[in-house]
Amino acid sequence: MTYHDLPLAAMERVMKRAGADRVSEDAKAALRDALEEAGKGLSKKALTLALHAGRKTIKAEDVKLANSKH
């Protein structure tokens, strides 16, 4: 069994807020997997920025900069 950080119910809420009337279990799982993968990559970039700044703590500014298209 694989552990996931994001609950499927939250994925359904996200998709419904985006306009979906109905959401399949497979769609919820696919969104969860995609968001967890993207979050992992973003977190690694943010950690690199924090370490470069001489910190062990990731700050919001690191995440924002890691997410920017620059």
PDB file of N, CA and C in Angstrom:
ATOM      1  N   MET A   1       0.838  -1.179   0.000  1.00  0.00           N
ATOM      2  CA  MET A   1       0.000   0.000   0.000  1.00  0.00           C
ATOM      3  C   MET A   1       0.887   1.247   0.000  1.00  0.00           C
ATOM      4  N   THR A   2       0.569   2.170  -0.864  1.00  0.00           N
ATOM      5  CA  THR A   2       1.331   3.411  -0.983  1.00  0.00           C
ATOM      6  C   THR A   2       0.713   4.492  -0.117  1.00  0.00           C
ATOM      7  N   TYR A   3       1.566   5.217   0.598  1.00  0.00           N
ATOM      8  CA  TYR A   3       1.092   6.314   1.428  1.00  0.00           C
ATOM      9  C   TYR A   3       1.002   7.585   0.591  1.00  0.00           C
ATOM     10  N   HIS A   4      -0.083   8.325   0.782  1.00  0.00           N
ATOM     11  CA  HIS A   4      -0.258   9.606   0.090  1.00  0.00           C
ATOM     12  C   HIS A   4      -0.518  10.696   1.115  1.00  0.00           C
ATOM     13  N   ASP A   5       0.010  11.885   0.839  1.00  0.00           N
ATOM     14  CA  ASP A   5      -0.168  13.018   1.735  1.00  0.00           C
ATOM     15  C   ASP A   5      -1.476  13.758   1.496  1.00  0.00           C
ATOM     16  N   LEU A   6      -1.990  13.684   0.288  1.00  0.00           N
ATOM     17  CA  LEU A   6      -3.198  14.437  -0.060  1.00  0.00           C
ATOM     18  C   LEU A   6      -4.413  13.503  -0.114  1.00  0.00           C
ATOM     19  N   PRO A   7      -5.478  13.853   0.577  1.00  0.00           N
ATOM     20  CA  PRO A   7      -6.672  13.005   0.579  1.00  0.00           C
ATOM     21  C   PRO A   7      -7.481  13.140  -0.707  1.00  0.00           C
ATOM     22  N   LEU A   8      -8.127  12.052  -1.107  1.00  0.00           N
ATOM     23  CA  LEU A   8      -8.940  12.063  -2.321  1.00  0.00           C
ATOM     24  C   LEU A   8     -10.105  13.037  -2.211  1.00  0.00           C
ATOM     25  N   ALA A   9     -10.653  13.205  -1.014  1.00  0.00           N
ATOM     26  CA  ALA A   9     -11.770  14.140  -0.841  1.00  0.00           C
ATOM     27  C   ALA A   9     -11.353  15.561  -1.218  1.00  0.00           C
ATOM     28  N   ALA A  10     -10.127  15.928  -0.891  1.00  0.00           N
ATOM     29  CA  ALA A  10      -9.629  17.259  -1.251  1.00  0.00           C
ATOM     30  C   ALA A  10      -9.502  17.393  -2.766  1.00  0.00           C
ATOM     31  N   MET A  11      -9.123  16.314  -3.438  1.00  0.00           N
ATOM     32  CA  MET A  11      -8.998  16.351  -4.893  1.00  0.00           C
ATOM     33  C   MET A  11     -10.368  16.572  -5.535  1.00  0.00           C
ATOM     34  N   GLU A  12     -11.376  15.921  -4.970  1.00  0.00           N
ATOM     35  CA  GLU A  12     -12.735  16.099  -5.487  1.00  0.00           C
ATOM     36  C   GLU A  12     -13.185  17.548  -5.301  1.00  0.00           C
ATOM     37  N   ARG A  13     -12.896  18.131  -4.144  1.00  0.00           N
ATOM     38  CA  ARG A  13     -13.277  19.529  -3.901  1.00  0.00           C
ATOM     39  C   ARG A  13     -12.600  20.460  -4.894  1.00  0.00           C
ATOM     40  N   VAL A  14     -11.323  20.222  -5.163  1.00  0.00           N
ATOM     41  CA  VAL A  14     -10.585  21.058  -6.114  1.00  0.00           C
ATOM     42  C   VAL A  14     -11.244  20.984  -7.490  1.00  0.00           C
ATOM     43  N   MET A  15     -11.555  19.792  -7.940  1.00  0.00           N
ATOM     44  CA  MET A  15     -12.137  19.629  -9.274  1.00  0.00           C
ATOM     45  C   MET A  15     -13.557  20.189  -9.344  1.00  0.00           C
ATOM     46  N   LYS A  16     -14.315  20.041  -8.283  1.00  0.00           N
ATOM     47  CA  LYS A  16     -15.665  20.601  -8.262  1.00  0.00           C
ATOM     48  C   LYS A  16     -15.625  22.122  -8.248  1.00  0.00           C
ATOM     49  N   ARG A  17     -14.676  22.686  -7.521  1.00  0.00           N
ATOM     50  CA  ARG A  17     -14.524  24.145  -7.526  1.00  0.00           C
ATOM     51  C   ARG A  17     -14.086  24.651  -8.893  1.00  0.00           C
ATOM     52  N   ALA A  18     -13.464  23.781  -9.672  1.00  0.00           N
ATOM     53  CA  ALA A  18     -13.061  24.133 -11.032  1.00  0.00           C
ATOM     54  C   ALA A  18     -14.220  23.977 -12.017  1.00  0.00           C
ATOM     55  N   GLY A  19     -15.360  23.457 -11.519  1.00  0.00           N
ATOM     56  CA  GLY A  19     -16.539  23.372 -12.372  1.00  0.00           C
ATOM     57  C   GLY A  19     -17.050  21.982 -12.675  1.00  0.00           C
ATOM     58  N   ALA A  20     -16.374  20.948 -12.197  1.00  0.00           N
ATOM     59  CA  ALA A  20     -16.815  19.577 -12.483  1.00  0.00           C
ATOM     60  C   ALA A  20     -18.086  19.249 -11.697  1.00  0.00           C
ATOM     61  N   ASP A  21     -19.027  18.603 -12.353  1.00  0.00           N
ATOM     62  CA  ASP A  21     -20.237  18.146 -11.671  1.00  0.00           C
ATOM     63  C   ASP A  21     -19.985  16.830 -10.945  1.00  0.00           C
ATOM     64  N   ARG A  22     -19.284  15.945 -11.636  1.00  0.00           N
ATOM     65  CA  ARG A  22     -18.988  14.625 -11.082  1.00  0.00           C
ATOM     66  C   ARG A  22     -17.514  14.317 -11.307  1.00  0.00           C
ATOM     67  N   VAL A  23     -16.933  13.541 -10.387  1.00  0.00           N
ATOM     68  CA  VAL A  23     -15.513  13.214 -10.468  1.00  0.00           C
ATOM     69  C   VAL A  23     -15.336  11.733 -10.140  1.00  0.00           C
ATOM     70  N   SER A  24     -14.666  11.002 -11.014  1.00  0.00           N
ATOM     71  CA  SER A  24     -14.432   9.577 -10.768  1.00  0.00           C
ATOM     72  C   SER A  24     -13.305   9.384  -9.761  1.00  0.00           C
ATOM     73  N   GLU A  25     -13.277   8.208  -9.149  1.00  0.00           N
ATOM     74  CA  GLU A  25     -12.205   7.868  -8.209  1.00  0.00           C
ATOM     75  C   GLU A  25     -10.852   7.882  -8.911  1.00  0.00           C
ATOM     76  N   ASP A  26     -10.821   7.395 -10.162  1.00  0.00           N
ATOM     77  CA  ASP A  26      -9.561   7.392 -10.913  1.00  0.00           C
ATOM     78  C   ASP A  26      -9.067   8.812 -11.168  1.00  0.00           C
ATOM     79  N   ALA A  27      -9.987   9.739 -11.435  1.00  0.00           N
ATOM     80  CA  ALA A  27      -9.612  11.135 -11.675  1.00  0.00           C
ATOM     81  C   ALA A  27      -9.053  11.758 -10.402  1.00  0.00           C
ATOM     82  N   LYS A  28      -9.672  11.464  -9.272  1.00  0.00           N
ATOM     83  CA  LYS A  28      -9.179  11.979  -7.993  1.00  0.00           C
ATOM     84  C   LYS A  28      -7.762  11.479  -7.735  1.00  0.00           C
ATOM     85  N   ALA A  29      -7.551  10.193  -7.962  1.00  0.00           N
ATOM     86  CA  ALA A  29      -6.234   9.598  -7.736  1.00  0.00           C
ATOM     87  C   ALA A  29      -5.194  10.172  -8.698  1.00  0.00           C
ATOM     88  N   ALA A  30      -5.590  10.398  -9.951  1.00  0.00           N
ATOM     89  CA  ALA A  30      -4.660  10.946 -10.934  1.00  0.00           C
ATOM     90  C   ALA A  30      -4.254  12.369 -10.566  1.00  0.00           C
ATOM     91  N   LEU A  31      -5.215  13.173 -10.117  1.00  0.00           N
ATOM     92  CA  LEU A  31      -4.883  14.539  -9.705  1.00  0.00           C
ATOM     93  C   LEU A  31      -3.986  14.514  -8.474  1.00  0.00           C
ATOM     94  N   ARG A  32      -4.302  13.650  -7.506  1.00  0.00           N
ATOM     95  CA  ARG A  32      -3.479  13.528  -6.311  1.00  0.00           C
ATOM     96  C   ARG A  32      -2.038  13.184  -6.683  1.00  0.00           C
ATOM     97  N   ASP A  33      -1.873  12.200  -7.550  1.00  0.00           N
ATOM     98  CA  ASP A  33      -0.530  11.780  -7.953  1.00  0.00           C
ATOM     99  C   ASP A  33       0.219  12.907  -8.643  1.00  0.00           C
ATOM    100  N   ALA A  34      -0.477  13.628  -9.530  1.00  0.00           N
ATOM    101  CA  ALA A  34       0.158  14.734 -10.257  1.00  0.00           C
ATOM    102  C   ALA A  34       0.560  15.862  -9.310  1.00  0.00           C
ATOM    103  N   LEU A  35      -0.321  16.198  -8.371  1.00  0.00           N
ATOM    104  CA  LEU A  35      -0.014  17.278  -7.430  1.00  0.00           C
ATOM    105  C   LEU A  35       1.104  16.893  -6.471  1.00  0.00           C
ATOM    106  N   GLU A  36       1.109  15.643  -6.025  1.00  0.00           N
ATOM    107  CA  GLU A  36       2.191  15.208  -5.135  1.00  0.00           C
ATOM    108  C   GLU A  36       3.530  15.220  -5.857  1.00  0.00           C
ATOM    109  N   GLU A  37       3.538  14.802  -7.101  1.00  0.00           N
ATOM    110  CA  GLU A  37       4.782  14.802  -7.883  1.00  0.00           C
ATOM    111  C   GLU A  37       5.265  16.231  -8.121  1.00  0.00           C
ATOM    112  N   ALA A  38       4.348  17.119  -8.503  1.00  0.00           N
ATOM    113  CA  ALA A  38       4.710  18.521  -8.718  1.00  0.00           C
ATOM    114  C   ALA A  38       5.187  19.155  -7.419  1.00  0.00           C
ATOM    115  N   GLY A  39       4.521  18.849  -6.331  1.00  0.00           N
ATOM    116  CA  GLY A  39       4.899  19.397  -5.030  1.00  0.00           C
ATOM    117  C   GLY A  39       6.269  18.928  -4.582  1.00  0.00           C
ATOM    118  N   LYS A  40       6.585  17.681  -4.887  1.00  0.00           N
ATOM    119  CA  LYS A  40       7.901  17.148  -4.538  1.00  0.00           C
ATOM    120  C   LYS A  40       9.003  17.886  -5.305  1.00  0.00           C
ATOM    121  N   GLY A  41       8.787  18.093  -6.592  1.00  0.00           N
ATOM    122  CA  GLY A  41       9.772  18.814  -7.401  1.00  0.00           C
ATOM    123  C   GLY A  41       9.930  20.257  -6.955  1.00  0.00           C
ATOM    124  N   LEU A  42       8.825  20.914  -6.679  1.00  0.00           N
ATOM    125  CA  LEU A  42       8.852  22.294  -6.222  1.00  0.00           C
ATOM    126  C   LEU A  42       9.563  22.394  -4.875  1.00  0.00           C
ATOM    127  N   SER A  43       9.303  21.437  -4.008  1.00  0.00           N
ATOM    128  CA  SER A  43       9.943  21.426  -2.689  1.00  0.00           C
ATOM    129  C   SER A  43      11.455  21.254  -2.804  1.00  0.00           C
ATOM    130  N   LYS A  44      11.892  20.414  -3.728  1.00  0.00           N
ATOM    131  CA  LYS A  44      13.334  20.225  -3.923  1.00  0.00           C
ATOM    132  C   LYS A  44      13.989  21.519  -4.394  1.00  0.00           C
ATOM    133  N   LYS A  45      13.334  22.220  -5.322  1.00  0.00           N
ATOM    134  CA  LYS A  45      13.865  23.499  -5.803  1.00  0.00           C
ATOM    135  C   LYS A  45      13.902  24.522  -4.668  1.00  0.00           C
ATOM    136  N   ALA A  46      12.838  24.564  -3.866  1.00  0.00           N
ATOM    137  CA  ALA A  46      12.780  25.507  -2.742  1.00  0.00           C
ATOM    138  C   ALA A  46      13.862  25.193  -1.712  1.00  0.00           C
ATOM    139  N   LEU A  47      14.112  23.920  -1.464  1.00  0.00           N
ATOM    140  CA  LEU A  47      15.167  23.530  -0.535  1.00  0.00           C
ATOM    141  C   LEU A  47      16.529  23.985  -1.044  1.00  0.00           C
ATOM    142  N   THR A  48      16.765  23.812  -2.328  1.00  0.00           N
ATOM    143  CA  THR A  48      18.025  24.261  -2.922  1.00  0.00           C
ATOM    144  C   THR A  48      18.213  25.757  -2.712  1.00  0.00           C
ATOM    145  N   LEU A  49      17.139  26.525  -2.897  1.00  0.00           N
ATOM    146  CA  LEU A  49      17.214  27.976  -2.699  1.00  0.00           C
ATOM    147  C   LEU A  49      17.483  28.317  -1.232  1.00  0.00           C
ATOM    148  N   ALA A  50      16.832  27.626  -0.321  1.00  0.00           N
ATOM    149  CA  ALA A  50      17.044  27.878   1.105  1.00  0.00           C
ATOM    150  C   ALA A  50      18.486  27.568   1.495  1.00  0.00           C
ATOM    151  N   LEU A  51      18.991  26.437   1.042  1.00  0.00           N
ATOM    152  CA  LEU A  51      20.371  26.065   1.355  1.00  0.00           C
ATOM    153  C   LEU A  51      21.358  27.063   0.766  1.00  0.00           C
ATOM    154  N   HIS A  52      21.072  27.538  -0.442  1.00  0.00           N
ATOM    155  CA  HIS A  52      21.938  28.532  -1.077  1.00  0.00           C
ATOM    156  C   HIS A  52      21.972  29.826  -0.258  1.00  0.00           C
ATOM    157  N   ALA A  53      20.853  30.133   0.390  1.00  0.00           N
ATOM    158  CA  ALA A  53      20.772  31.334   1.227  1.00  0.00           C
ATOM    159  C   ALA A  53      21.344  31.087   2.626  1.00  0.00           C
ATOM    160  N   GLY A  54      21.857  29.887   2.877  1.00  0.00           N
ATOM    161  CA  GLY A  54      22.473  29.573   4.159  1.00  0.00           C
ATOM    162  C   GLY A  54      21.470  29.184   5.231  1.00  0.00           C
ATOM    163  N   ARG A  55      20.283  28.734   4.806  1.00  0.00           N
ATOM    164  CA  ARG A  55      19.237  28.334   5.750  1.00  0.00           C
ATOM    165  C   ARG A  55      18.899  26.867   5.590  1.00  0.00           C
ATOM    166  N   LYS A  56      18.428  26.265   6.665  1.00  0.00           N
ATOM    167  CA  LYS A  56      17.892  24.908   6.619  1.00  0.00           C
ATOM    168  C   LYS A  56      16.380  24.942   6.461  1.00  0.00           C
ATOM    169  N   THR A  57      15.786  26.083   6.784  1.00  0.00           N
ATOM    170  CA  THR A  57      14.339  26.242   6.759  1.00  0.00           C
ATOM    171  C   THR A  57      13.882  26.773   5.406  1.00  0.00           C
ATOM    172  N   ILE A  58      12.922  26.101   4.809  1.00  0.00           N
ATOM    173  CA  ILE A  58      12.311  26.594   3.578  1.00  0.00           C
ATOM    174  C   ILE A  58      11.279  27.645   3.964  1.00  0.00           C
ATOM    175  N   LYS A  59      11.381  28.818   3.344  1.00  0.00           N
ATOM    176  CA  LYS A  59      10.443  29.912   3.598  1.00  0.00           C
ATOM    177  C   LYS A  59       9.519  30.074   2.390  1.00  0.00           C
ATOM    178  N   ALA A  60       8.448  30.814   2.610  1.00  0.00           N
ATOM    179  CA  ALA A  60       7.484  31.067   1.542  1.00  0.00           C
ATOM    180  C   ALA A  60       8.172  31.688   0.327  1.00  0.00           C
ATOM    181  N   GLU A  61       9.124  32.564   0.566  1.00  0.00           N
ATOM    182  CA  GLU A  61       9.830  33.216  -0.542  1.00  0.00           C
ATOM    183  C   GLU A  61      10.577  32.188  -1.401  1.00  0.00           C
ATOM    184  N   ASP A  62      11.092  31.126  -0.793  1.00  0.00           N
ATOM    185  CA  ASP A  62      11.782  30.072  -1.545  1.00  0.00           C
ATOM    186  C   ASP A  62      10.799  29.341  -2.454  1.00  0.00           C
ATOM    187  N   VAL A  63       9.633  29.039  -1.901  1.00  0.00           N
ATOM    188  CA  VAL A  63       8.613  28.339  -2.682  1.00  0.00           C
ATOM    189  C   VAL A  63       8.141  29.213  -3.842  1.00  0.00           C
ATOM    190  N   LYS A  64       7.902  30.484  -3.556  1.00  0.00           N
ATOM    191  CA  LYS A  64       7.442  31.406  -4.608  1.00  0.00           C
ATOM    192  C   LYS A  64       8.485  31.553  -5.700  1.00  0.00           C
ATOM    193  N   LEU A  65       9.741  31.676  -5.317  1.00  0.00           N
ATOM    194  CA  LEU A  65      10.808  31.813  -6.294  1.00  0.00           C
ATOM    195  C   LEU A  65      10.986  30.509  -7.085  1.00  0.00           C
ATOM    196  N   ALA A  66      10.898  29.383  -6.407  1.00  0.00           N
ATOM    197  CA  ALA A  66      11.026  28.092  -7.081  1.00  0.00           C
ATOM    198  C   ALA A  66       9.886  27.877  -8.073  1.00  0.00           C
ATOM    199  N   ASN A  67       8.736  28.461  -7.792  1.00  0.00           N
ATOM    200  CA  ASN A  67       7.571  28.304  -8.658  1.00  0.00           C
ATOM    201  C   ASN A  67       7.521  29.325  -9.784  1.00  0.00           C
ATOM    202  N   SER A  68       8.368  30.358  -9.720  1.00  0.00           N
ATOM    203  CA  SER A  68       8.337  31.394 -10.745  1.00  0.00           C
ATOM    204  C   SER A  68       8.954  30.859 -12.039  1.00  0.00           C
ATOM    205  N   LYS A  69       8.615  31.470 -13.123  1.00  0.00           N
ATOM    206  CA  LYS A  69       9.060  31.007 -14.448  1.00  0.00           C
ATOM    207  C   LYS A  69      10.393  31.614 -14.861  1.00  0.00           C
ATOM    208  N   HIS A  70      11.067  32.320 -13.956  1.00  0.00           N
ATOM    209  CA  HIS A  70      12.331  32.984 -14.289  1.00  0.00           C
ATOM    210  C   HIS A  70      13.452  32.003 -14.382  1.00  0.00           C
TER     211      HIS A  70
END
